[in-house]
Protein backbone atom coordinates (compact mmCIF):
# COMPACT_ATOMS: atom_id res chain seq x y z
CA MET A 1 54.53 105.18 124.31
CA ALA A 2 51.45 105.58 122.09
CA LEU A 3 50.70 102.83 119.63
CA PHE A 4 50.65 105.29 116.75
CA LYS A 5 51.77 108.83 116.15
CA ALA A 6 49.23 111.23 117.61
CA ASP A 7 48.29 112.63 114.20
CA THR A 8 48.01 109.18 112.60
CA LEU A 9 45.87 107.84 115.42
CA LYS A 10 43.72 110.95 115.30
CA LYS A 11 43.20 110.62 111.55
CA VAL A 12 42.40 106.90 111.75
CA ASN A 13 39.90 107.35 114.59
CA SER A 14 38.37 110.39 112.91
CA THR A 15 37.89 108.45 109.67
CA LYS A 16 36.30 105.50 111.45
CA GLU A 17 34.08 107.80 113.50
CA LYS A 18 32.89 109.73 110.45
CA LEU A 19 32.07 106.58 108.49
CA ASN A 20 30.39 104.89 111.47
CA THR A 21 28.34 108.03 112.07
CA LYS A 22 27.32 108.11 108.42
CA LYS A 23 26.50 104.40 108.51
CA ALA A 24 24.26 104.85 111.56
CA GLU A 25 22.60 107.84 109.88
CA LEU A 26 21.90 105.84 106.72
CA GLN A 27 20.59 102.88 108.69
CA GLU A 28 18.19 105.18 110.55
CA LYS A 29 17.04 106.72 107.25
CA ARG A 30 16.59 103.27 105.76
CA ILE A 31 14.28 102.23 108.60
CA LYS A 32 12.12 105.34 108.07
CA ILE A 33 12.05 104.89 104.28
CA VAL A 34 11.06 101.22 104.58
CA GLN A 35 8.22 102.25 106.90
CA GLU A 36 7.16 104.96 104.45
CA ARG A 37 7.37 102.51 101.52
CA ASP A 38 5.17 100.00 103.34
CA MET A 39 2.59 102.70 104.07
CA LEU A 40 2.58 103.83 100.42
CA ARG A 41 2.33 100.22 99.24
CA SER A 42 -0.71 99.73 101.47
CA ALA A 43 -2.17 103.01 100.16
CA LEU A 44 -1.60 101.88 96.55
CA GLU A 45 -3.37 98.61 97.26
CA ASN A 46 -6.31 100.54 98.72
CA ASP A 47 -6.28 102.85 95.70
CA LEU A 48 -6.35 99.87 93.36
CA GLN A 49 -9.28 98.47 95.29
CA ARG A 50 -11.18 101.77 94.82
CA GLN A 51 -10.37 101.77 91.12
CA ILE A 52 -11.86 98.32 90.77
CA MET A 53 -14.86 98.72 93.04
CA GLU A 54 -15.72 102.37 92.38
CA GLY A 55 -14.30 102.89 88.91
CA THR A 56 -12.03 105.75 90.00
CA SER A 57 -8.83 106.86 88.30
CA PRO A 58 -5.40 105.87 89.67
CA ASP A 59 -3.87 108.23 92.22
CA ARG A 60 -0.75 109.15 90.28
CA LYS A 61 0.60 111.12 93.23
CA LEU A 62 0.68 107.93 95.31
CA GLN A 63 2.50 106.03 92.59
CA SER A 64 4.98 108.88 92.13
CA GLY A 65 5.65 108.93 95.88
CA PHE A 66 6.09 105.15 95.95
CA ASP A 67 8.54 105.27 93.03
CA LYS A 68 10.52 108.05 94.74
CA VAL A 69 10.70 106.12 98.01
CA ASN A 70 11.91 103.01 96.17
CA ALA A 71 14.59 105.08 94.44
CA ASP A 72 15.67 106.58 97.76
CA LEU A 73 15.80 103.11 99.33
CA GLU A 74 17.92 101.76 96.48
CA ARG A 75 20.31 104.71 96.80
CA ILE A 76 20.66 104.26 100.57
CA ASN A 77 21.18 100.50 100.22
CA HIS A 78 23.95 101.21 97.72
CA GLN A 79 25.57 103.73 100.07
CA LEU A 80 25.40 101.32 103.00
CA ALA A 81 27.00 98.60 100.89
CA SER A 82 29.80 101.02 99.96
CA ILE A 83 30.66 102.17 103.51
CA ASP A 84 32.97 99.27 104.40
CA GLY A 85 34.82 99.60 101.10
CA ILE A 86 35.28 103.34 101.63
CA LEU A 87 36.59 102.69 105.16
CA SER A 88 39.08 100.15 103.82
CA LYS A 89 40.34 102.58 101.17
CA GLU A 90 40.71 105.40 103.69
CA LEU A 91 42.59 103.21 106.18
CA GLN A 92 44.93 102.03 103.42
CA LYS A 93 46.22 105.60 103.23
CA HIS A 94 47.68 105.18 106.73
CA LYS A 95 48.97 101.64 106.27
CA ASP A 96 52.67 102.56 106.14
CA ASP A 97 52.51 104.81 109.21
CA ILE A 98 50.49 102.27 111.15
CA LYS A 99 52.93 99.48 110.31
CA LYS A 100 55.93 101.63 111.18
CA GLU A 101 54.50 102.78 114.50
CA SER A 102 53.15 99.38 115.51
CA ASP A 103 56.53 97.83 114.66
CA LYS A 104 58.10 100.49 116.87
CA VAL A 105 55.90 99.34 119.76
CA VAL A 106 57.20 95.80 119.36
CA SER A 107 60.85 96.83 119.02
CA THR A 108 60.58 99.12 122.07
CA TYR A 109 58.96 96.31 124.02
CA ARG A 110 61.74 93.91 123.03
CA GLU A 111 64.34 96.41 124.25
CA GLN A 112 62.50 96.81 127.55
CA GLU A 113 62.06 93.07 127.84
CA SER A 114 65.77 92.51 127.26
CA LYS A 115 66.64 95.07 129.95
CA ILE A 116 64.23 93.49 132.43
CA ASP A 117 65.59 90.05 131.58
CA GLU A 118 69.12 91.23 132.37
CA ASP A 119 67.93 92.93 135.58
CA LEU A 120 66.18 89.75 136.68
CA LYS A 121 69.30 87.71 135.97
CA GLN A 122 71.36 90.10 138.11
CA ILE A 123 68.80 89.98 140.91
CA LYS A 124 68.74 86.19 140.64
CA LEU A 125 72.54 86.08 140.82
CA GLN A 126 72.53 88.32 143.89
CA TYR A 127 69.85 86.12 145.44
CA PHE A 128 71.91 82.97 144.87
CA GLU A 129 75.00 84.68 146.23
CA LYS A 130 73.05 85.73 149.33
CA LEU A 131 71.78 82.17 149.83
CA ALA A 132 75.36 80.88 149.51
CA GLU A 133 76.44 83.53 152.03
CA TYR A 134 73.69 82.34 154.35
CA HIS A 135 75.10 78.81 154.18
CA GLU A 136 78.60 80.05 154.99
CA VAL A 137 77.25 82.06 157.94
CA TYR A 138 75.48 78.92 159.14
CA LEU A 139 78.66 76.79 158.83
CA THR A 140 80.78 79.39 160.61
CA ALA A 141 78.29 79.70 163.47
CA SER A 142 78.00 75.90 163.77
CA ARG A 143 81.76 75.55 163.88
CA LYS A 144 82.22 78.30 166.45
CA TYR A 145 79.37 77.05 168.60
CA SER A 146 80.80 73.53 168.60
CA GLU A 147 83.98 74.90 170.17
CA PHE A 148 81.97 75.59 173.31
CA GLY A 149 80.69 72.00 173.45
CA ASN A 150 82.94 70.48 176.09
CA ILE A 151 82.96 73.41 178.47
CA MET A 152 79.16 73.78 178.19
CA GLU A 153 78.76 70.12 179.11
CA THR A 154 81.09 70.59 182.07
CA LEU A 155 79.15 73.64 183.23
CA GLU A 156 75.84 71.90 182.45
CA ILE A 157 74.74 74.71 180.14
CA PRO A 158 71.92 73.54 177.86
CA LYS A 159 72.91 73.59 174.23
CA ARG A 160 70.90 75.51 171.67
CA PRO A 161 70.52 74.09 168.17
CA VAL A 162 72.23 76.00 165.38
CA ASP A 163 69.81 75.26 162.55
CA LYS A 164 68.75 76.91 159.33
CA HIS A 165 65.44 78.61 160.07
CA ILE A 166 65.08 80.01 156.57
CA SER A 167 63.29 77.00 155.17
CA PHE A 168 63.92 75.64 151.71
CA ASN A 169 60.35 75.05 150.56
CA MET A 170 58.96 76.19 147.21
CA GLU A 171 55.35 75.71 148.30
CA GLN A 172 55.16 77.39 151.71
CA LYS A 173 51.52 76.44 152.05
CA TRP A 174 51.79 76.20 155.81
CA ASN A 175 52.37 79.91 156.30
CA ASN A 176 50.96 83.02 154.65
CA ASP A 177 53.71 85.25 156.07
CA TYR A 178 56.26 86.77 153.74
CA GLN A 179 59.17 84.35 153.45
CA ALA A 180 62.75 84.76 152.25
CA MET A 181 62.36 81.86 149.82
CA PHE A 182 60.26 82.17 146.66
CA SER A 183 57.18 80.03 146.28
CA THR A 184 55.94 78.87 142.90
CA THR A 185 52.61 80.60 143.60
CA GLU A 186 54.34 83.92 144.29
CA LEU A 187 56.42 83.62 141.13
CA ARG A 188 53.34 82.88 139.05
CA GLN A 189 51.43 85.84 140.53
CA ALA A 190 54.30 88.25 139.87
CA TYR A 191 54.83 86.84 136.36
CA ASP A 192 51.15 87.51 135.67
CA GLY A 193 51.51 91.11 136.85
CA LYS A 194 50.33 90.88 140.46
CA VAL A 195 52.61 91.54 143.42
CA PRO A 196 51.71 88.89 146.04
CA TYR A 197 49.67 90.21 148.97
CA SER A 198 52.24 89.01 151.53
CA ALA A 199 54.97 91.00 149.73
CA LYS A 200 52.87 94.19 149.64
CA HIS A 201 51.97 93.72 153.29
CA TYR A 202 55.66 93.29 154.13
CA LYS A 203 56.57 96.43 152.17
CA ASN A 204 53.88 98.53 153.84
CA GLY A 205 54.80 97.25 157.26
CA LYS A 206 58.48 98.16 157.03
């Protein structure tokens, strides 16, 4: 699901792009105007020096150009200072739509989260039930195997241990193979969005 309606997102991005483009354009113009102003200022200083040393008349064209550049610079500085305010006003026009659509993202997420939470609880329940079933299978096998005890001793048949080989260990640091029991590391990896390597390897190898 998109964060905003397609048209709202398009309008917001278009507005930001236009204003950022205009801002970059004004900043580039400002750099050129400042350079031009500095050149004219230097030329005016040279002209003043000629007036003093040579008794010449002021170059009114230079002064007119300098005044025009200063006016242009003041106008551009004002426009640059207004850009952020214009952007804020334009974005305010979409405030209600943005709030509504962003709220929808959260409400949709909460619904999905609730569904996943219920799914995980069901999976957890099934897991516990399967572990309990495993224990019953173990008890049944132990009981049945013990019935052969006396006759096996008479026939000198070596006994085999009936143990639980699915280990109850939440760390499992001794083995990188995929185990039936969860480890805290695996749970943390999955919770953080990464399926453990051993699980992916197990899936691909089936």
